[in-house]
C-alpha atoms as a PDB file:
ATOM      1  CA  MET A   1      80.031  81.170 107.287  1.00  0.00           C
ATOM      2  CA  ALA A   2      77.206  81.223 109.350  1.00  0.00           C
ATOM      3  CA  PHE A   3      75.641  84.263 107.144  1.00  0.00           C
ATOM      4  CA  ILE A   4      75.757  81.615 104.092  1.00  0.00           C
ATOM      5  CA  GLN A   5      73.839  79.124 106.680  1.00  0.00           C
ATOM      6  CA  VAL A   6      70.738  81.202 107.390  1.00  0.00           C
ATOM      7  CA  THR A   7      70.923  82.576 104.119  1.00  0.00           C
ATOM      8  CA  ILE A   8      69.589  78.655 102.637  1.00  0.00           C
ATOM      9  CA  LEU A   9      67.980  78.676 105.769  1.00  0.00           C
ATOM     10  CA  ILE A  10      65.534  81.141 104.854  1.00  0.00           C
ATOM     11  CA  PHE A  11      65.742  79.652 101.410  1.00  0.00           C
ATOM     12  CA  VAL A  12      64.617  76.031 102.957  1.00  0.00           C
ATOM     13  CA  GLY A  13      61.441  78.291 104.154  1.00  0.00           C
ATOM     14  CA  ILE A  14      60.509  79.919 101.441  1.00  0.00           C
ATOM     15  CA  THR A  15      60.652  77.350  99.091  1.00  0.00           C
ATOM     16  CA  GLY A  16      59.005  74.499 101.312  1.00  0.00           C
ATOM     17  CA  THR A  17      56.009  77.534 102.408  1.00  0.00           C
ATOM     18  CA  ALA A  18      55.456  77.679  98.507  1.00  0.00           C
ATOM     19  CA  VAL A  19      55.184  73.902  97.679  1.00  0.00           C
ATOM     20  CA  VAL A  20      52.956  74.093 100.278  1.00  0.00           C
ATOM     21  CA  VAL A  21      50.436  77.053  99.431  1.00  0.00           C
ATOM     22  CA  THR A  22      50.428  76.616  95.814  1.00  0.00           C
ATOM     23  CA  ARG A  23      47.447  74.444  94.739  1.00  0.00           C
ATOM     24  CA  ASN A  24      47.809  72.806  91.188  1.00  0.00           C
ATOM     25  CA  PRO A  25      50.191  69.636  91.392  1.00  0.00           C
ATOM     26  CA  ILE A  26      52.945  69.989  88.596  1.00  0.00           C
ATOM     27  CA  HIS A  27      53.824  73.002  90.157  1.00  0.00           C
ATOM     28  CA  GLN A  28      53.738  71.671  93.433  1.00  0.00           C
ATOM     29  CA  VAL A  29      56.061  69.059  91.970  1.00  0.00           C
ATOM     30  CA  ILE A  30      58.200  71.225  90.526  1.00  0.00           C
ATOM     31  CA  GLY A  31      58.554  73.615  94.131  1.00  0.00           C
ATOM     32  CA  LEU A  32      59.452  70.510  95.303  1.00  0.00           C
ATOM     33  CA  SER A  33      62.065  69.494  93.481  1.00  0.00           C
ATOM     34  CA  PHE A  34      63.770  72.662  94.018  1.00  0.00           C
ATOM     35  CA  TYR A  35      62.827  72.642  97.724  1.00  0.00           C
ATOM     36  CA  GLY A  36      64.865  69.516  97.409  1.00  0.00           C
ATOM     37  CA  ILE A  37      67.619  70.683  95.445  1.00  0.00           C
ATOM     38  CA  ILE A  38      67.782  73.960  98.555  1.00  0.00           C
ATOM     39  CA  LEU A  39      68.064  71.563 101.290  1.00  0.00           C
ATOM     40  CA  GLY A  40      70.527  69.591  99.681  1.00  0.00           C
ATOM     41  CA  LEU A  41      72.408  72.573  99.143  1.00  0.00           C
ATOM     42  CA  PHE A  42      71.775  73.482 102.912  1.00  0.00           C
ATOM     43  CA  PHE A  43      73.173  70.432 104.209  1.00  0.00           C
ATOM     44  CA  PHE A  44      76.760  70.279 101.639  1.00  0.00           C
ATOM     45  CA  ILE A  45      76.701  73.621 103.770  1.00  0.00           C
ATOM     46  CA  LEU A  46      76.332  71.816 107.015  1.00  0.00           C
ATOM     47  CA  GLN A  47      79.536  69.427 105.918  1.00  0.00           C
ATOM     48  CA  ALA A  48      77.323  66.619 105.047  1.00  0.00           C
ATOM     49  CA  PRO A  49      78.678  66.255 101.459  1.00  0.00           C
ATOM     50  CA  ASP A  50      77.213  62.019 101.812  1.00  0.00           C
ATOM     51  CA  VAL A  51      73.829  63.782 103.246  1.00  0.00           C
ATOM     52  CA  ALA A  52      73.272  66.257 100.661  1.00  0.00           C
ATOM     53  CA  LEU A  53      73.786  63.491  97.702  1.00  0.00           C
ATOM     54  CA  SER A  54      71.144  61.359  98.857  1.00  0.00           C
ATOM     55  CA  GLN A  55      68.344  64.357  99.157  1.00  0.00           C
ATOM     56  CA  ILE A  56      69.737  65.806  96.056  1.00  0.00           C
ATOM     57  CA  THR A  57      68.501  62.428  94.816  1.00  0.00           C
ATOM     58  CA  ILE A  58      65.937  61.174  96.777  1.00  0.00           C
ATOM     59  CA  GLY A  59      63.814  64.500  96.648  1.00  0.00           C
ATOM     60  CA  ALA A  60      65.116  66.253  93.505  1.00  0.00           C
ATOM     61  CA  VAL A  61      64.720  63.949  91.345  1.00  0.00           C
ATOM     62  CA  VAL A  62      63.159  60.279  92.258  1.00  0.00           C
ATOM     63  CA  LEU A  63      60.620  61.586  94.461  1.00  0.00           C
ATOM     64  CA  PRO A  64      59.495  64.114  92.162  1.00  0.00           C
ATOM     65  CA  LEU A  65      59.156  61.898  88.990  1.00  0.00           C
ATOM     66  CA  MET A  66      57.101  59.413  91.309  1.00  0.00           C
ATOM     67  CA  PHE A  67      54.794  62.534  91.822  1.00  0.00           C
ATOM     68  CA  MET A  68      54.619  63.588  88.157  1.00  0.00           C
ATOM     69  CA  LEU A  69      54.191  59.536  86.836  1.00  0.00           C
ATOM     70  CA  ALA A  70      51.100  59.250  89.415  1.00  0.00           C
ATOM     71  CA  LEU A  71      49.356  62.846  87.815  1.00  0.00           C
ATOM     72  CA  ALA A  72      50.089  61.248  84.825  1.00  0.00           C
ATOM     73  CA  LYS A  73      48.308  57.952  85.550  1.00  0.00           C
ATOM     74  CA  ILE A  74      45.858  59.423  87.172  1.00  0.00           C
ATOM     75  CA  ARG A  75      44.672  61.752  84.365  1.00  0.00           C
ATOM     76  CA  ARG A  76      45.406  59.193  81.885  1.00  0.00           C
ATOM     77  CA  GLN A  77      41.671  57.347  83.813  1.00  0.00           C
ATOM     78  CA  GLU A  78      40.182  60.548  84.478  1.00  0.00           C
ATOM     79  CA  GLN A  79      39.952  60.780  80.701  1.00  0.00           C
ATOM     80  CA  ARG A  80      39.838  57.498  79.700  1.00  0.00           C
ATOM     81  CA  LYS A  81      36.300  57.891  82.502  1.00  0.00           C
ATOM     82  CA  SER A  82      34.893  60.967  81.351  1.00  0.00           C
ATOM     83  CA  SER A  83      35.629  59.494  77.256  1.00  0.00           C
ATOM     84  CA  SER A  84      33.467  56.542  77.466  1.00  0.00           C
ATOM     85  CA  GLY A  85      30.584  58.644  79.279  1.00  0.00           C
ATOM     86  CA  HIS A  86      30.065  55.665  82.749  1.00  0.00           C
ATOM     87  CA  PRO A  87      30.655  56.989  86.057  1.00  0.00           C
ATOM     88  CA  GLU A  88      33.071  54.495  88.226  1.00  0.00           C
ATOM     89  CA  SER A  89      30.686  52.906  90.279  1.00  0.00           C
ATOM     90  CA  ALA A  90      28.404  52.383  87.914  1.00  0.00           C
ATOM     91  CA  ARG A  91      30.321  49.802  86.349  1.00  0.00           C
ATOM     92  CA  GLY A  92      30.999  48.411  89.909  1.00  0.00           C
ATOM     93  CA  ALA A  93      34.541  48.573  90.176  1.00  0.00           C
END
C-alpha cells in the first residue's frame, strides 16, 4: 500500500509542478484539472472518500470551469477592445 501512496504522491508533485511552469493559461487550466483528479485519487487511497469526492468535484470540475469561463470573457473583452480601435483609457472607463 505504501508503494501506491508514494507513486500517487510523486504524480501529485509532477502535475502540480507542470501547472506552475506552464505558460499558456488554457494549458494551465487543463493541467489543474488533471491535478485535481490525481489529488482526489490520492485522498481516496488514503481512505478519505468524502474528501476525494469533494476534491474531484471542486478541484477537477468546478474550478477549471470557472477559470475557462473567465478566460473566455477576458478574450471577448480584448477582441471587442481591439476591434473598436479605442484603448480602454481613452474612453474614460
